[in-house]
Amino acid sequence: MAKKTKKARRRFFFLGIGSIVIIVGTTLSIGKYWVDIFDKYHEKNELNKELENLREKEEQLKVDADRLQNPDYVARYAREKYLYSKDGEYILQIPEEK
C-alpha cells in the first residue's frame, strides 16, 4: 500500500508541475498578445493623427492649386515672393519685427 501512495504522490507531483508549466506558458503567451495589441492600438492612434494632418495639408494644397490657376494671383504671388516687379514699379523690402 505504501508503494501505491508513493506512486500516486509522484504522479500528482508531476501532474501539478506539468499543470503549472502549462498555466505559466499560457499566461505569458496571452500577456505577449496583449502587449502587441496595446502597441498596435497606440500606433493606430498615431497614424490616425498623421492621416488627419495629411488630409488638412491636402486641402490646403488643393486651395493653393486652385489659386494658381488664376493669372492675377500668380503675378501677385511672384511679385511678393520673388520680388518681381512690373515696369516702373519699385520694390522696397521692410524687415519684419519680432
N, C-alpha and C. Protein backbone atom coordinates (compact mmCIF):
# COMPACT_ATOMS: atom_id res chain seq x y z
N MET A 1 0.80 -1.18 0.00
CA MET A 1 0.00 0.00 0.00
C MET A 1 0.86 1.27 0.00
N ALA A 2 1.99 1.22 0.66
CA ALA A 2 2.88 2.37 0.71
C ALA A 2 3.43 2.67 -0.67
N LYS A 3 3.63 1.61 -1.49
CA LYS A 3 4.14 1.79 -2.83
C LYS A 3 3.13 2.54 -3.70
N LYS A 4 1.86 2.21 -3.54
CA LYS A 4 0.82 2.86 -4.33
C LYS A 4 0.71 4.34 -3.95
N THR A 5 0.79 4.66 -2.69
CA THR A 5 0.68 6.06 -2.28
C THR A 5 1.90 6.85 -2.75
N LYS A 6 3.06 6.19 -2.76
CA LYS A 6 4.26 6.86 -3.23
C LYS A 6 4.14 7.13 -4.72
N LYS A 7 3.62 6.16 -5.51
CA LYS A 7 3.42 6.36 -6.94
C LYS A 7 2.36 7.43 -7.19
N ALA A 8 1.33 7.41 -6.38
CA ALA A 8 0.26 8.39 -6.54
C ALA A 8 0.78 9.80 -6.24
N ARG A 9 1.59 9.93 -5.20
CA ARG A 9 2.18 11.22 -4.87
C ARG A 9 3.09 11.70 -6.00
N ARG A 10 3.91 10.81 -6.51
CA ARG A 10 4.82 11.15 -7.60
C ARG A 10 4.00 11.58 -8.83
N ARG A 11 2.94 10.85 -9.14
CA ARG A 11 2.10 11.16 -10.29
C ARG A 11 1.44 12.53 -10.10
N PHE A 12 0.91 12.78 -8.91
CA PHE A 12 0.29 14.08 -8.65
C PHE A 12 1.32 15.21 -8.69
N PHE A 13 2.52 14.92 -8.22
CA PHE A 13 3.59 15.93 -8.25
C PHE A 13 3.91 16.32 -9.69
N PHE A 14 4.14 15.32 -10.56
CA PHE A 14 4.46 15.61 -11.96
C PHE A 14 3.26 16.23 -12.69
N LEU A 15 2.07 15.79 -12.34
CA LEU A 15 0.87 16.37 -12.94
C LEU A 15 0.74 17.84 -12.51
N GLY A 16 1.03 18.13 -11.25
CA GLY A 16 0.99 19.51 -10.75
C GLY A 16 2.03 20.38 -11.43
N ILE A 17 3.26 19.86 -11.54
CA ILE A 17 4.33 20.60 -12.21
C ILE A 17 3.96 20.86 -13.66
N GLY A 18 3.47 19.84 -14.33
CA GLY A 18 3.05 19.99 -15.74
C GLY A 18 1.94 21.01 -15.88
N SER A 19 0.99 20.97 -14.96
CA SER A 19 -0.11 21.94 -15.00
C SER A 19 0.40 23.36 -14.79
N ILE A 20 1.30 23.52 -13.84
CA ILE A 20 1.86 24.85 -13.58
C ILE A 20 2.62 25.36 -14.80
N VAL A 21 3.41 24.50 -15.44
CA VAL A 21 4.16 24.90 -16.63
C VAL A 21 3.19 25.34 -17.74
N ILE A 22 2.14 24.59 -17.93
CA ILE A 22 1.16 24.93 -18.97
C ILE A 22 0.46 26.25 -18.64
N ILE A 23 0.07 26.45 -17.38
CA ILE A 23 -0.59 27.68 -16.98
C ILE A 23 0.33 28.89 -17.15
N VAL A 24 1.58 28.77 -16.73
CA VAL A 24 2.54 29.87 -16.85
C VAL A 24 2.80 30.16 -18.33
N GLY A 25 2.98 29.13 -19.13
CA GLY A 25 3.21 29.33 -20.56
C GLY A 25 2.04 30.02 -21.23
N THR A 26 0.85 29.60 -20.90
CA THR A 26 -0.35 30.21 -21.48
C THR A 26 -0.48 31.66 -21.04
N THR A 27 -0.22 31.93 -19.76
CA THR A 27 -0.30 33.29 -19.25
C THR A 27 0.71 34.20 -19.93
N LEU A 28 1.93 33.73 -20.10
CA LEU A 28 2.95 34.53 -20.78
C LEU A 28 2.57 34.79 -22.23
N SER A 29 2.05 33.77 -22.88
CA SER A 29 1.63 33.91 -24.27
C SER A 29 0.51 34.94 -24.40
N ILE A 30 -0.48 34.87 -23.54
CA ILE A 30 -1.60 35.82 -23.57
C ILE A 30 -1.09 37.23 -23.26
N GLY A 31 -0.19 37.33 -22.30
CA GLY A 31 0.39 38.63 -21.96
C GLY A 31 1.11 39.26 -23.13
N LYS A 32 1.86 38.44 -23.86
CA LYS A 32 2.57 38.94 -25.04
C LYS A 32 1.58 39.46 -26.08
N TYR A 33 0.49 38.75 -26.29
CA TYR A 33 -0.50 39.20 -27.25
C TYR A 33 -1.16 40.50 -26.81
N TRP A 34 -1.41 40.65 -25.50
CA TRP A 34 -1.99 41.90 -25.00
C TRP A 34 -1.04 43.07 -25.21
N VAL A 35 0.23 42.85 -25.00
CA VAL A 35 1.22 43.91 -25.24
C VAL A 35 1.23 44.28 -26.71
N ASP A 36 1.19 43.30 -27.61
CA ASP A 36 1.15 43.57 -29.04
C ASP A 36 -0.10 44.36 -29.41
N ILE A 37 -1.24 43.99 -28.85
CA ILE A 37 -2.49 44.69 -29.13
C ILE A 37 -2.41 46.14 -28.63
N PHE A 38 -1.85 46.33 -27.45
CA PHE A 38 -1.71 47.67 -26.89
C PHE A 38 -0.81 48.53 -27.77
N ASP A 39 0.32 47.97 -28.24
CA ASP A 39 1.22 48.70 -29.13
C ASP A 39 0.53 49.05 -30.45
N LYS A 40 -0.21 48.12 -31.01
CA LYS A 40 -0.92 48.37 -32.26
C LYS A 40 -1.99 49.45 -32.08
N TYR A 41 -2.64 49.47 -30.92
CA TYR A 41 -3.66 50.49 -30.64
C TYR A 41 -3.02 51.88 -30.63
N HIS A 42 -1.87 52.02 -29.96
CA HIS A 42 -1.19 53.31 -29.94
C HIS A 42 -0.67 53.69 -31.31
N GLU A 43 -0.16 52.73 -32.05
CA GLU A 43 0.31 53.00 -33.41
C GLU A 43 -0.85 53.47 -34.29
N LYS A 44 -2.01 52.85 -34.12
CA LYS A 44 -3.20 53.24 -34.89
C LYS A 44 -3.58 54.69 -34.57
N ASN A 45 -3.55 55.06 -33.30
CA ASN A 45 -3.89 56.43 -32.92
C ASN A 45 -2.92 57.43 -33.54
N GLU A 46 -1.63 57.12 -33.51
CA GLU A 46 -0.63 58.00 -34.11
C GLU A 46 -0.84 58.12 -35.61
N LEU A 47 -1.12 57.00 -36.27
CA LEU A 47 -1.34 57.04 -37.72
C LEU A 47 -2.61 57.79 -38.07
N ASN A 48 -3.64 57.70 -37.22
CA ASN A 48 -4.86 58.48 -37.47
C ASN A 48 -4.59 59.98 -37.37
N LYS A 49 -3.77 60.38 -36.40
CA LYS A 49 -3.39 61.79 -36.28
C LYS A 49 -2.61 62.24 -37.50
N GLU A 50 -1.68 61.41 -37.94
CA GLU A 50 -0.89 61.74 -39.12
C GLU A 50 -1.78 61.83 -40.36
N LEU A 51 -2.75 60.92 -40.47
CA LEU A 51 -3.68 60.95 -41.59
C LEU A 51 -4.49 62.24 -41.59
N GLU A 52 -4.94 62.66 -40.42
CA GLU A 52 -5.70 63.90 -40.33
C GLU A 52 -4.84 65.09 -40.75
N ASN A 53 -3.58 65.11 -40.31
CA ASN A 53 -2.67 66.19 -40.72
C ASN A 53 -2.46 66.19 -42.23
N LEU A 54 -2.30 65.01 -42.81
CA LEU A 54 -2.10 64.92 -44.25
C LEU A 54 -3.35 65.35 -45.01
N ARG A 55 -4.53 65.05 -44.49
CA ARG A 55 -5.77 65.48 -45.15
C ARG A 55 -5.89 67.00 -45.10
N GLU A 56 -5.53 67.60 -43.97
CA GLU A 56 -5.55 69.06 -43.89
C GLU A 56 -4.56 69.68 -44.87
N LYS A 57 -3.38 69.08 -44.97
CA LYS A 57 -2.37 69.57 -45.90
C LYS A 57 -2.86 69.41 -47.34
N GLU A 58 -3.53 68.30 -47.63
CA GLU A 58 -4.08 68.08 -48.97
C GLU A 58 -5.11 69.15 -49.31
N GLU A 59 -5.98 69.47 -48.36
CA GLU A 59 -6.98 70.52 -48.60
C GLU A 59 -6.31 71.85 -48.88
N GLN A 60 -5.27 72.17 -48.12
CA GLN A 60 -4.55 73.43 -48.34
C GLN A 60 -3.89 73.43 -49.70
N LEU A 61 -3.31 72.31 -50.10
CA LEU A 61 -2.67 72.23 -51.41
C LEU A 61 -3.69 72.35 -52.54
N LYS A 62 -4.88 71.80 -52.34
CA LYS A 62 -5.93 71.95 -53.35
C LYS A 62 -6.33 73.42 -53.49
N VAL A 63 -6.44 74.11 -52.37
CA VAL A 63 -6.78 75.54 -52.41
C VAL A 63 -5.68 76.30 -53.14
N ASP A 64 -4.42 75.99 -52.81
CA ASP A 64 -3.29 76.65 -53.48
C ASP A 64 -3.28 76.36 -54.98
N ALA A 65 -3.58 75.11 -55.35
CA ALA A 65 -3.61 74.75 -56.76
C ALA A 65 -4.71 75.51 -57.49
N ASP A 66 -5.85 75.65 -56.85
CA ASP A 66 -6.94 76.42 -57.46
C ASP A 66 -6.55 77.88 -57.63
N ARG A 67 -5.90 78.44 -56.62
CA ARG A 67 -5.45 79.83 -56.72
C ARG A 67 -4.44 80.02 -57.85
N LEU A 68 -3.56 79.03 -58.03
CA LEU A 68 -2.53 79.16 -59.06
C LEU A 68 -3.10 79.08 -60.47
N GLN A 69 -4.36 78.74 -60.60
CA GLN A 69 -5.00 78.75 -61.91
C GLN A 69 -5.35 80.18 -62.34
N ASN A 70 -5.40 81.09 -61.38
CA ASN A 70 -5.74 82.49 -61.65
C ASN A 70 -4.46 83.25 -62.00
N PRO A 71 -4.36 83.82 -63.22
CA PRO A 71 -3.12 84.53 -63.61
C PRO A 71 -2.84 85.76 -62.74
N ASP A 72 -3.87 86.45 -62.28
CA ASP A 72 -3.64 87.62 -61.42
C ASP A 72 -3.00 87.19 -60.09
N TYR A 73 -3.46 86.10 -59.55
CA TYR A 73 -2.89 85.60 -58.29
C TYR A 73 -1.43 85.18 -58.50
N VAL A 74 -1.16 84.53 -59.62
CA VAL A 74 0.21 84.09 -59.90
C VAL A 74 1.13 85.29 -60.02
N ALA A 75 0.68 86.32 -60.69
CA ALA A 75 1.50 87.52 -60.86
C ALA A 75 1.76 88.17 -59.50
N ARG A 76 0.71 88.31 -58.67
CA ARG A 76 0.88 88.92 -57.36
C ARG A 76 1.79 88.06 -56.47
N TYR A 77 1.62 86.75 -56.53
CA TYR A 77 2.44 85.84 -55.73
C TYR A 77 3.91 85.96 -56.12
N ALA A 78 4.18 86.00 -57.43
CA ALA A 78 5.57 86.12 -57.90
C ALA A 78 6.18 87.45 -57.47
N ARG A 79 5.40 88.51 -57.52
CA ARG A 79 5.92 89.82 -57.09
C ARG A 79 6.25 89.81 -55.60
N GLU A 80 5.38 89.22 -54.80
CA GLU A 80 5.60 89.21 -53.35
C GLU A 80 6.71 88.25 -52.93
N LYS A 81 6.67 87.07 -53.48
CA LYS A 81 7.60 86.03 -53.03
C LYS A 81 9.00 86.20 -53.62
N TYR A 82 9.07 86.47 -54.91
CA TYR A 82 10.36 86.50 -55.60
C TYR A 82 10.81 87.90 -55.96
N LEU A 83 10.08 88.90 -55.45
CA LEU A 83 10.44 90.30 -55.62
C LEU A 83 10.51 90.71 -57.10
N TYR A 84 9.61 90.19 -57.90
CA TYR A 84 9.48 90.64 -59.29
C TYR A 84 8.67 91.93 -59.29
N SER A 85 8.90 92.74 -60.27
CA SER A 85 8.17 94.00 -60.32
C SER A 85 7.64 94.24 -61.73
N LYS A 86 6.61 95.06 -61.79
CA LYS A 86 6.08 95.50 -63.08
C LYS A 86 7.00 96.60 -63.59
N ASP A 87 6.82 96.96 -64.84
CA ASP A 87 7.61 98.08 -65.39
C ASP A 87 7.27 99.35 -64.64
N GLY A 88 8.30 100.05 -64.21
CA GLY A 88 8.11 101.31 -63.50
C GLY A 88 7.74 101.12 -62.03
N GLU A 89 7.82 99.95 -61.53
CA GLU A 89 7.44 99.67 -60.15
C GLU A 89 8.71 99.41 -59.33
N TYR A 90 8.78 99.99 -58.15
CA TYR A 90 9.93 99.79 -57.27
C TYR A 90 9.53 98.88 -56.11
N ILE A 91 10.49 98.06 -55.69
CA ILE A 91 10.22 97.14 -54.58
C ILE A 91 11.04 97.59 -53.39
N LEU A 92 10.35 97.84 -52.30
CA LEU A 92 11.00 98.16 -51.04
C LEU A 92 10.72 97.04 -50.07
N GLN A 93 11.79 96.52 -49.51
CA GLN A 93 11.63 95.40 -48.56
C GLN A 93 11.77 95.93 -47.16
N ILE A 94 10.74 95.74 -46.36
CA ILE A 94 10.76 96.22 -44.98
C ILE A 94 10.97 95.01 -44.08
N PRO A 95 12.01 95.04 -43.23
CA PRO A 95 12.25 93.88 -42.35
C PRO A 95 11.12 93.74 -41.34
N GLU A 96 10.79 92.50 -41.06
CA GLU A 96 9.74 92.21 -40.08
C GLU A 96 10.33 92.30 -38.68
N GLU A 97 9.55 92.90 -37.77
CA GLU A 97 9.98 92.98 -36.38
C GLU A 97 9.46 91.77 -35.62
N LYS A 98 10.30 91.24 -34.74
CA LYS A 98 9.89 90.07 -33.96
C LYS A 98 9.81 90.42 -32.51
